[in-house]
Amino acid sequence: MSFNLVASSALRRLTVAIALLATLPVVRAQNVVVKLATLAPEGSSWHLTLKEMGEEWKKVSNGRVTLRIYPGGVVGDEAEMISKIRLGTITRRR
């Protein structure tokens, strides 16, 4: 099989896939709040990095994604955090 035939076939498949995707209904994105608990102390370099990440998420999502940070173990130790994740208290979608 020649290269041109393979490339042509791949291009055709890609064009069909794009056309199919274009016909799907556009779903309005919902706002999302990500709740993140950490043992890193408030004001530490880890906490500041998480805050910067949250600001970047908000920026690239046009305000649809918010990162809520609970630093310094305010929601408990690791075992308590895991329990709260399972309950949906931390890192859940709203």
C-alpha atoms as a PDB file:
ATOM      1  CA  MET A   1       0.000   0.000   0.000  1.00  0.00           C
ATOM      2  CA  SER A   2       1.466   3.339  -0.952  1.00  0.00           C
ATOM      3  CA  PHE A   3       2.013   6.174   1.507  1.00  0.00           C
ATOM      4  CA  ASN A   4      -0.406   8.459  -0.333  1.00  0.00           C
ATOM      5  CA  LEU A   5      -3.213   5.917  -0.055  1.00  0.00           C
ATOM      6  CA  VAL A   6      -2.593   5.399   3.683  1.00  0.00           C
ATOM      7  CA  ALA A   7      -2.387   9.148   4.318  1.00  0.00           C
ATOM      8  CA  SER A   8      -5.517   9.730   2.257  1.00  0.00           C
ATOM      9  CA  SER A   9      -7.405   7.047   4.189  1.00  0.00           C
ATOM     10  CA  ALA A  10      -6.298   8.459   7.539  1.00  0.00           C
ATOM     11  CA  LEU A  11      -7.265  11.966   6.461  1.00  0.00           C
ATOM     12  CA  ARG A  12     -10.680  10.732   5.365  1.00  0.00           C
ATOM     13  CA  ARG A  13     -11.265   9.007   8.727  1.00  0.00           C
ATOM     14  CA  LEU A  14     -10.160  12.119  10.601  1.00  0.00           C
ATOM     15  CA  THR A  15     -12.497  14.299   8.541  1.00  0.00           C
ATOM     16  CA  VAL A  16     -15.436  11.964   9.229  1.00  0.00           C
ATOM     17  CA  ALA A  17     -14.641  11.925  12.964  1.00  0.00           C
ATOM     18  CA  ILE A  18     -14.509  15.720  13.105  1.00  0.00           C
ATOM     19  CA  ALA A  19     -17.768  16.008  11.187  1.00  0.00           C
ATOM     20  CA  LEU A  20     -19.468  13.587  13.603  1.00  0.00           C
ATOM     21  CA  LEU A  21     -18.157  15.477  16.610  1.00  0.00           C
ATOM     22  CA  ALA A  22     -19.394  18.746  15.146  1.00  0.00           C
ATOM     23  CA  THR A  23     -22.932  17.389  14.992  1.00  0.00           C
ATOM     24  CA  LEU A  24     -23.052  16.488  18.698  1.00  0.00           C
ATOM     25  CA  PRO A  25     -25.096  18.875  20.832  1.00  0.00           C
ATOM     26  CA  VAL A  26     -23.061  21.333  22.826  1.00  0.00           C
ATOM     27  CA  VAL A  27     -23.486  20.752  26.527  1.00  0.00           C
ATOM     28  CA  ARG A  28     -23.255  23.817  28.728  1.00  0.00           C
ATOM     29  CA  ALA A  29     -20.473  23.309  31.223  1.00  0.00           C
ATOM     30  CA  GLN A  30     -21.501  23.452  34.842  1.00  0.00           C
ATOM     31  CA  ASN A  31     -19.541  25.223  37.525  1.00  0.00           C
ATOM     32  CA  VAL A  32     -17.268  22.926  39.501  1.00  0.00           C
ATOM     33  CA  VAL A  33     -15.868  23.385  43.000  1.00  0.00           C
ATOM     34  CA  VAL A  34     -12.896  21.159  43.805  1.00  0.00           C
ATOM     35  CA  LYS A  35     -12.380  20.861  47.556  1.00  0.00           C
ATOM     36  CA  LEU A  36      -8.785  19.978  48.360  1.00  0.00           C
ATOM     37  CA  ALA A  37      -7.549  19.248  51.870  1.00  0.00           C
ATOM     38  CA  THR A  38      -3.829  19.193  52.613  1.00  0.00           C
ATOM     39  CA  LEU A  39      -1.528  18.840  55.585  1.00  0.00           C
ATOM     40  CA  ALA A  40       0.695  21.560  54.103  1.00  0.00           C
ATOM     41  CA  PRO A  41       0.624  24.590  56.395  1.00  0.00           C
ATOM     42  CA  GLU A  42      -1.118  27.750  55.262  1.00  0.00           C
ATOM     43  CA  GLY A  43       1.405  30.130  53.710  1.00  0.00           C
ATOM     44  CA  SER A  44       3.912  27.364  52.931  1.00  0.00           C
ATOM     45  CA  SER A  45       5.376  27.029  49.454  1.00  0.00           C
ATOM     46  CA  TRP A  46       3.089  23.998  48.867  1.00  0.00           C
ATOM     47  CA  HIS A  47       0.012  26.002  49.844  1.00  0.00           C
ATOM     48  CA  LEU A  48       1.033  28.945  47.675  1.00  0.00           C
ATOM     49  CA  THR A  49       1.606  26.605  44.718  1.00  0.00           C
ATOM     50  CA  LEU A  50      -1.872  25.117  45.202  1.00  0.00           C
ATOM     51  CA  LYS A  51      -3.365  28.623  45.307  1.00  0.00           C
ATOM     52  CA  GLU A  52      -1.587  29.514  42.054  1.00  0.00           C
ATOM     53  CA  MET A  53      -2.882  26.304  40.488  1.00  0.00           C
ATOM     54  CA  GLY A  54      -6.429  27.187  41.569  1.00  0.00           C
ATOM     55  CA  GLU A  55      -6.107  30.657  40.084  1.00  0.00           C
ATOM     56  CA  GLU A  56      -4.885  29.153  36.797  1.00  0.00           C
ATOM     57  CA  TRP A  57      -7.794  26.668  36.738  1.00  0.00           C
ATOM     58  CA  LYS A  58     -10.244  29.507  37.267  1.00  0.00           C
ATOM     59  CA  LYS A  59      -8.585  31.548  34.511  1.00  0.00           C
ATOM     60  CA  VAL A  60      -8.501  28.821  31.850  1.00  0.00           C
ATOM     61  CA  SER A  61     -12.052  27.703  32.672  1.00  0.00           C
ATOM     62  CA  ASN A  62     -13.475  31.228  32.519  1.00  0.00           C
ATOM     63  CA  GLY A  63     -14.410  31.032  36.182  1.00  0.00           C
ATOM     64  CA  ARG A  64     -16.185  27.673  35.926  1.00  0.00           C
ATOM     65  CA  VAL A  65     -13.665  25.774  38.067  1.00  0.00           C
ATOM     66  CA  THR A  66     -12.904  26.897  41.607  1.00  0.00           C
ATOM     67  CA  LEU A  67     -10.335  25.278  43.870  1.00  0.00           C
ATOM     68  CA  ARG A  68     -11.198  25.522  47.557  1.00  0.00           C
ATOM     69  CA  ILE A  69      -8.152  24.678  49.678  1.00  0.00           C
ATOM     70  CA  TYR A  70      -8.251  23.502  53.288  1.00  0.00           C
ATOM     71  CA  PRO A  71      -4.599  23.790  54.456  1.00  0.00           C
ATOM     72  CA  GLY A  72      -2.805  22.749  57.605  1.00  0.00           C
ATOM     73  CA  GLY A  73      -4.866  19.667  58.360  1.00  0.00           C
ATOM     74  CA  VAL A  74      -7.949  21.702  59.284  1.00  0.00           C
ATOM     75  CA  VAL A  75     -10.206  18.842  58.148  1.00  0.00           C
ATOM     76  CA  GLY A  76      -8.179  16.223  60.004  1.00  0.00           C
ATOM     77  CA  ASP A  77      -5.290  13.868  59.540  1.00  0.00           C
ATOM     78  CA  GLU A  78      -4.826  11.633  56.501  1.00  0.00           C
ATOM     79  CA  ALA A  79      -7.245   8.954  57.711  1.00  0.00           C
ATOM     80  CA  GLU A  80      -9.951  11.554  58.349  1.00  0.00           C
ATOM     81  CA  MET A  81      -9.330  13.115  54.932  1.00  0.00           C
ATOM     82  CA  ILE A  82      -9.784   9.743  53.208  1.00  0.00           C
ATOM     83  CA  SER A  83     -13.008   9.174  55.114  1.00  0.00           C
ATOM     84  CA  LYS A  84     -14.283  12.614  54.059  1.00  0.00           C
ATOM     85  CA  ILE A  85     -13.341  11.953  50.442  1.00  0.00           C
ATOM     86  CA  ARG A  86     -15.404   8.761  50.538  1.00  0.00           C
ATOM     87  CA  LEU A  87     -18.325  10.711  52.009  1.00  0.00           C
ATOM     88  CA  GLY A  88     -18.001  13.360  49.296  1.00  0.00           C
ATOM     89  CA  THR A  89     -17.135  16.149  51.728  1.00  0.00           C
ATOM     90  CA  ILE A  90     -13.763  16.777  50.085  1.00  0.00           C
ATOM     91  CA  THR A  91     -13.000  16.799  46.353  1.00  0.00           C
ATOM     92  CA  ARG A  92     -16.526  16.542  45.096  1.00  0.00           C
ATOM     93  CA  ARG A  93     -18.322  18.007  42.156  1.00  0.00           C
ATOM     94  CA  ARG A  94     -21.110  20.484  42.755  1.00  0.00           C
END
